[in-house]
Amino acid sequence: MLRITIVYTTLIYLLMTSVIFAAEKTARPAMDTEDKRAQALLVKAVDYYKGNKDHAIAAFSRAGEFINGDLYVYVIGTNGQMLASGGSSSALIGRDVSNMRDAEGKPFFREIIDKAKSNGSGMVEYRWLNRVDGKVERKVTYYQKVDDRIIAVGFYIPRATSKQAKTLLEQAVNAIKVNPSSAFVDFNNLNGKFIQDDLYVFVVDLKDSRFLAHGTTPRLVGTDALELKDPTGKLIIKKMIAIVKANGQGSLEYQWRNPVTEKVETKHTLLRKVNNYLVGVGYYIR
């Protein structure tokens, strides 16, 4: 009888959250493996909490079934106190986090608390430390309110948006206009500000078609860019050069390795001609 009750509760929860998520106007990433893993872990944690109440808090904070790679459960009270965490936020246990902000100044905990109080469940996106690679990355968290506890599980999003790619391209163009040599050094700095998640800058000299900068593969600097092909055999740089010489700017879509997921994915690269340079920044499409 208990098993039937748990299965029924889980089905009701999934139905409720799917309706709420569909109604939210925030940009939600497409359903993928990490998304499904996060939601499954949340369902498991919610069921465990309902069966054990606050005795479950300790289990969420220690190594075990509620920590799966970079996925973990954390719990916030509706009063803003961090009660449990199996991840980097474990340092916040016992503290009021309601006014904490992420790397971009967003009060995401407050957003979770307010939405949970009004809707019961939902999702929020913010930037947080990924303890696996030690980097601050975009993260989506799903949450469910149970009594006065908010149980949450988040996952990191390795793919940047088209808007972020456009912003980084503009920053790169401005840097080249100020000091090209200094800009190229910055673009090639693996720990610099021009590498953000899966975004990076590359530059090709239009006079000799050689790479002057490449954010994730510095060994390409100085090599002939015209021979570079994607896995389908497309001469991508040759096509890019033709586009900017004809129009001054544009874009090209092709297949390329995502430096974060390490998988070959569809990439949409934005292009600009600055003086005698081809400058590009691309984002990956799910």
Protein backbone atom coordinates (compact mmCIF):
# COMPACT_ATOMS: atom_id res chain seq x y z
CA MET A 1 0.00 0.00 0.00
CA LEU A 2 2.88 2.38 0.84
CA ARG A 3 4.55 1.66 -2.52
CA ILE A 4 1.32 2.46 -4.38
CA THR A 5 1.00 5.73 -2.46
CA ILE A 6 4.58 6.77 -3.31
CA VAL A 7 4.12 5.97 -7.03
CA TYR A 8 0.83 7.91 -7.06
CA THR A 9 2.48 10.88 -5.30
CA THR A 10 5.35 10.85 -7.80
CA LEU A 11 2.98 10.86 -10.78
CA ILE A 12 0.99 13.75 -9.32
CA TYR A 13 4.21 15.68 -8.66
CA LEU A 14 5.47 15.18 -12.23
CA LEU A 15 2.10 16.29 -13.64
CA MET A 16 2.04 19.42 -11.47
CA THR A 17 5.63 20.43 -12.23
CA SER A 18 5.24 19.87 -15.98
CA VAL A 19 2.27 22.26 -16.01
CA ILE A 20 4.11 24.89 -13.97
CA PHE A 21 7.30 24.66 -16.04
CA ALA A 22 5.31 25.02 -19.28
CA ALA A 23 3.58 28.10 -17.90
CA GLU A 24 6.78 29.88 -16.89
CA LYS A 25 8.01 32.51 -19.32
CA THR A 26 11.69 32.10 -18.53
CA ALA A 27 13.92 30.58 -21.21
CA ARG A 28 14.22 26.89 -20.43
CA PRO A 29 16.89 24.71 -22.04
CA ALA A 30 15.69 21.80 -24.13
CA MET A 31 15.11 18.51 -22.31
CA ASP A 32 18.32 16.50 -22.33
CA THR A 33 20.06 13.87 -20.25
CA GLU A 34 21.20 16.23 -17.49
CA ASP A 35 17.75 17.78 -17.28
CA LYS A 36 16.14 14.36 -16.85
CA ARG A 37 18.74 13.26 -14.29
CA ALA A 38 18.14 16.40 -12.22
CA GLN A 39 14.37 15.99 -12.25
CA ALA A 40 14.63 12.31 -11.38
CA LEU A 41 16.90 13.08 -8.42
CA LEU A 42 14.49 15.77 -7.24
CA VAL A 43 11.54 13.36 -7.37
CA LYS A 44 13.58 10.82 -5.39
CA ALA A 45 14.57 13.44 -2.79
CA VAL A 46 11.00 14.76 -2.42
CA ASP A 47 9.65 11.24 -1.89
CA TYR A 48 12.40 10.51 0.63
CA TYR A 49 11.67 13.70 2.54
CA LYS A 50 7.93 13.02 2.62
CA GLY A 51 8.61 9.62 4.13
CA ASN A 52 11.25 10.75 6.63
CA LYS A 53 10.60 14.47 7.15
CA ASP A 54 13.55 16.31 8.73
CA HIS A 55 15.37 13.01 9.39
CA ALA A 56 16.12 13.19 5.64
CA ILE A 57 18.13 16.41 5.99
CA ALA A 58 21.31 14.63 7.09
CA ALA A 59 21.13 12.19 4.16
CA PHE A 60 21.04 15.06 1.67
CA SER A 61 24.27 16.54 3.05
CA ARG A 62 26.47 13.45 3.05
CA ALA A 63 27.98 11.31 0.31
CA GLY A 64 25.52 8.71 -0.89
CA GLU A 65 22.51 8.20 -3.10
CA PHE A 66 21.60 11.89 -3.22
CA ILE A 67 24.89 12.97 -4.82
CA ASN A 68 25.43 11.94 -8.44
CA GLY A 69 28.47 13.48 -10.13
CA ASP A 70 27.81 17.23 -10.29
CA LEU A 71 24.18 16.70 -9.24
CA TYR A 72 23.22 17.08 -5.60
CA VAL A 73 20.26 17.96 -3.42
CA TYR A 74 19.99 21.06 -1.29
CA VAL A 75 17.21 22.22 1.02
CA ILE A 76 16.19 25.75 2.00
CA GLY A 77 13.60 26.66 4.61
CA THR A 78 10.89 29.08 3.52
CA ASN A 79 12.49 31.43 6.07
CA GLY A 80 15.63 31.53 3.91
CA GLN A 81 17.87 29.26 5.99
CA MET A 82 20.06 26.72 4.17
CA LEU A 83 19.30 23.40 5.84
CA ALA A 84 21.17 20.85 3.73
CA SER A 85 23.46 20.57 0.71
CA GLY A 86 25.51 17.84 -0.88
CA GLY A 87 27.50 20.32 -2.97
CA SER A 88 29.54 23.52 -2.76
CA SER A 89 26.69 25.29 -0.97
CA SER A 90 27.25 23.02 2.06
CA ALA A 91 29.35 25.87 3.49
CA LEU A 92 26.11 27.85 3.73
CA ILE A 93 24.25 25.37 5.96
CA GLY A 94 22.73 27.18 8.92
CA ARG A 95 22.96 30.58 7.26
CA ASP A 96 20.21 32.83 5.92
CA VAL A 97 20.78 32.77 2.13
CA SER A 98 17.66 34.68 1.10
CA ASN A 99 19.66 37.78 0.10
CA MET A 100 22.65 36.00 -1.46
CA ARG A 101 23.40 36.74 -5.09
CA ASP A 102 25.06 34.73 -7.85
CA ALA A 103 28.14 35.72 -9.88
CA GLU A 104 26.06 38.22 -11.89
CA GLY A 105 24.29 39.76 -8.90
CA LYS A 106 21.03 37.85 -9.24
CA PRO A 107 19.21 37.13 -5.91
CA PHE A 108 18.37 33.61 -7.06
CA PHE A 109 17.69 32.11 -3.64
CA ARG A 110 15.08 34.81 -3.02
CA GLU A 111 13.54 34.00 -6.40
CA ILE A 112 13.37 30.29 -5.50
CA ILE A 113 11.78 31.03 -2.11
CA ASP A 114 9.19 33.46 -3.49
CA LYS A 115 8.21 31.23 -6.40
CA ALA A 116 8.05 28.14 -4.21
CA LYS A 117 5.72 29.93 -1.79
CA SER A 118 3.40 31.02 -4.58
CA ASN A 119 3.59 28.07 -7.01
CA GLY A 120 4.94 25.17 -5.00
CA SER A 121 7.48 24.16 -7.65
CA GLY A 122 9.35 25.50 -10.66
CA MET A 123 12.80 26.31 -11.95
CA VAL A 124 15.34 29.14 -11.88
CA GLU A 125 18.57 29.82 -13.82
CA TYR A 126 21.68 31.44 -12.32
CA ARG A 127 25.49 31.17 -12.24
CA TRP A 128 27.16 29.02 -9.58
CA LEU A 129 30.46 27.28 -8.81
CA ASN A 130 30.76 23.85 -10.43
CA ARG A 131 32.91 21.96 -7.93
CA VAL A 132 33.82 19.36 -10.59
CA ASP A 133 35.82 21.79 -12.76
CA GLY A 134 36.19 24.68 -10.29
CA LYS A 135 34.47 27.16 -12.64
CA VAL A 136 31.45 29.42 -12.22
CA GLU A 137 28.92 28.23 -14.79
CA ARG A 138 25.28 28.65 -15.76
CA LYS A 139 23.00 26.42 -13.72
CA VAL A 140 19.32 25.49 -13.84
CA THR A 141 17.68 24.35 -10.61
CA TYR A 142 14.34 22.61 -10.19
CA TYR A 143 12.66 22.89 -6.81
CA GLN A 144 9.62 21.58 -4.93
CA LYS A 145 8.12 22.96 -1.73
CA VAL A 146 7.14 20.38 0.89
CA ASP A 147 5.62 21.93 4.02
CA ASP A 148 8.03 24.73 4.92
CA ARG A 149 11.00 23.10 3.18
CA ILE A 150 12.14 23.76 -0.40
CA ILE A 151 13.97 20.80 -1.91
CA ALA A 152 16.12 21.57 -4.96
CA VAL A 153 18.38 19.92 -7.53
CA GLY A 154 20.30 21.78 -10.22
CA PHE A 155 22.45 20.98 -13.24
CA TYR A 156 25.03 22.99 -15.16
CA ILE A 157 24.42 24.22 -18.70
CA PRO A 158 27.56 24.13 -20.83
CA ARG A 159 26.01 25.91 -23.80
CA ALA A 160 26.00 29.69 -23.95
CA THR A 161 23.26 31.67 -25.70
CA SER A 162 23.33 33.61 -28.98
CA LYS A 163 23.02 36.83 -26.97
CA GLN A 164 26.12 35.96 -24.92
CA ALA A 165 28.04 35.15 -28.11
CA LYS A 166 27.06 38.50 -29.64
CA THR A 167 28.14 40.36 -26.49
CA LEU A 168 31.52 38.60 -26.41
CA LEU A 169 32.06 39.33 -30.11
CA GLU A 170 31.42 43.04 -29.54
CA GLN A 171 33.88 43.04 -26.64
CA ALA A 172 36.49 41.34 -28.83
CA VAL A 173 35.95 43.80 -31.68
CA ASN A 174 36.37 46.76 -29.33
CA ALA A 175 39.53 45.24 -27.83
CA ILE A 176 41.07 44.86 -31.30
CA LYS A 177 40.24 48.45 -32.18
CA VAL A 178 42.06 49.65 -29.05
CA ASN A 179 45.16 47.43 -29.27
CA PRO A 180 45.25 44.40 -31.63
CA SER A 181 48.42 42.82 -30.23
CA SER A 182 47.23 43.03 -26.64
CA ALA A 183 43.80 41.74 -27.66
CA PHE A 184 45.24 38.64 -29.33
CA VAL A 185 47.19 37.81 -26.17
CA ASP A 186 44.00 38.12 -24.14
CA PHE A 187 42.02 35.95 -26.59
CA ASN A 188 44.63 33.17 -26.25
CA ASN A 189 44.66 33.29 -22.44
CA LEU A 190 42.93 30.10 -21.31
CA ASN A 191 42.14 31.71 -17.96
CA GLY A 192 41.15 35.08 -19.35
CA LYS A 193 37.87 36.94 -19.66
CA PHE A 194 37.41 36.06 -23.34
CA ILE A 195 36.71 32.41 -22.58
CA GLN A 196 33.27 32.01 -21.02
CA ASP A 197 31.73 28.55 -20.67
CA ASP A 198 31.79 27.22 -24.26
CA LEU A 199 32.37 30.68 -25.79
CA TYR A 200 35.76 31.81 -27.08
CA VAL A 201 37.24 34.18 -29.67
CA PHE A 202 39.26 33.30 -32.76
CA VAL A 203 40.96 35.68 -35.20
CA VAL A 204 42.34 35.12 -38.71
CA ASP A 205 44.62 37.54 -40.56
CA LEU A 206 42.92 38.30 -43.89
CA LYS A 207 46.26 39.10 -45.52
CA ASP A 208 47.82 35.65 -45.15
CA SER A 209 44.86 33.58 -43.82
CA ARG A 210 46.69 32.50 -40.69
CA PHE A 211 45.30 32.25 -37.18
CA LEU A 212 46.31 35.09 -34.87
CA ALA A 213 44.23 33.85 -31.93
CA HIS A 214 42.15 30.86 -30.93
CA GLY A 215 40.68 30.75 -27.44
CA THR A 216 40.61 26.99 -26.87
CA THR A 217 43.29 25.74 -29.28
CA PRO A 218 46.32 28.07 -29.10
CA ARG A 219 48.38 25.58 -31.14
CA LEU A 220 46.43 26.75 -34.20
CA VAL A 221 47.99 30.22 -33.91
CA GLY A 222 50.29 30.76 -36.88
CA THR A 223 48.83 27.91 -38.93
CA ASP A 224 47.06 28.17 -42.30
CA ALA A 225 43.37 28.59 -41.50
CA LEU A 226 42.17 27.92 -45.06
CA GLU A 227 42.69 24.18 -44.69
CA LEU A 228 40.61 23.86 -41.53
CA LYS A 229 37.57 21.62 -42.07
CA ASP A 230 34.70 20.54 -39.87
CA PRO A 231 33.96 16.79 -39.46
CA THR A 232 31.74 16.87 -42.55
CA GLY A 233 34.57 18.20 -44.70
CA LYS A 234 33.32 21.80 -44.91
CA LEU A 235 36.16 24.32 -45.36
CA ILE A 236 34.80 26.56 -42.64
CA ILE A 237 37.40 29.33 -42.47
CA LYS A 238 37.49 29.66 -46.25
CA LYS A 239 33.72 30.18 -46.21
CA MET A 240 33.96 32.63 -43.29
CA ILE A 241 36.56 34.74 -45.09
CA ALA A 242 34.35 34.90 -48.19
CA ILE A 243 31.40 36.04 -46.06
CA VAL A 244 33.20 38.92 -44.30
CA LYS A 245 35.01 40.06 -47.45
CA ALA A 246 31.66 40.32 -49.22
CA ASN A 247 29.51 41.72 -46.40
CA GLY A 248 31.77 42.85 -43.55
CA GLN A 249 29.88 40.54 -41.18
CA GLY A 250 27.67 37.47 -41.14
CA SER A 251 27.46 33.98 -39.69
CA LEU A 252 28.14 30.35 -40.52
CA GLU A 253 26.76 27.10 -39.16
CA TYR A 254 28.82 23.90 -39.05
CA GLN A 255 29.84 20.95 -36.90
CA TRP A 256 32.51 21.49 -34.22
CA ARG A 257 33.70 20.12 -30.89
CA ASN A 258 32.19 21.80 -27.84
CA PRO A 259 35.13 22.39 -25.44
CA VAL A 260 32.86 21.87 -22.42
CA THR A 261 30.91 18.75 -23.42
CA GLU A 262 33.79 17.47 -25.60
CA LYS A 263 31.21 16.36 -28.15
CA VAL A 264 30.83 17.37 -31.80
CA GLU A 265 27.76 19.62 -31.97
CA THR A 266 26.16 22.12 -34.33
CA LYS A 267 27.85 25.49 -33.95
CA HIS A 268 26.58 28.87 -35.14
CA THR A 269 29.44 31.37 -35.41
CA LEU A 270 28.98 35.14 -35.63
CA LEU A 271 31.56 36.90 -37.82
CA ARG A 272 32.94 40.42 -38.13
CA LYS A 273 35.61 42.05 -40.29
CA VAL A 274 37.77 44.45 -38.26
CA ASN A 275 40.51 46.17 -40.28
CA ASN A 276 42.30 43.20 -41.90
CA TYR A 277 41.07 40.64 -39.40
CA LEU A 278 38.30 38.06 -39.38
CA VAL A 279 36.90 37.84 -35.84
CA GLY A 280 34.54 35.08 -34.78
CA VAL A 281 32.59 33.90 -31.72
CA GLY A 282 30.25 30.92 -31.94
CA TYR A 283 27.62 29.26 -29.76
CA TYR A 284 26.45 25.66 -29.78
CA ILE A 285 22.90 24.65 -30.61
CA ARG A 286 21.12 21.91 -28.67
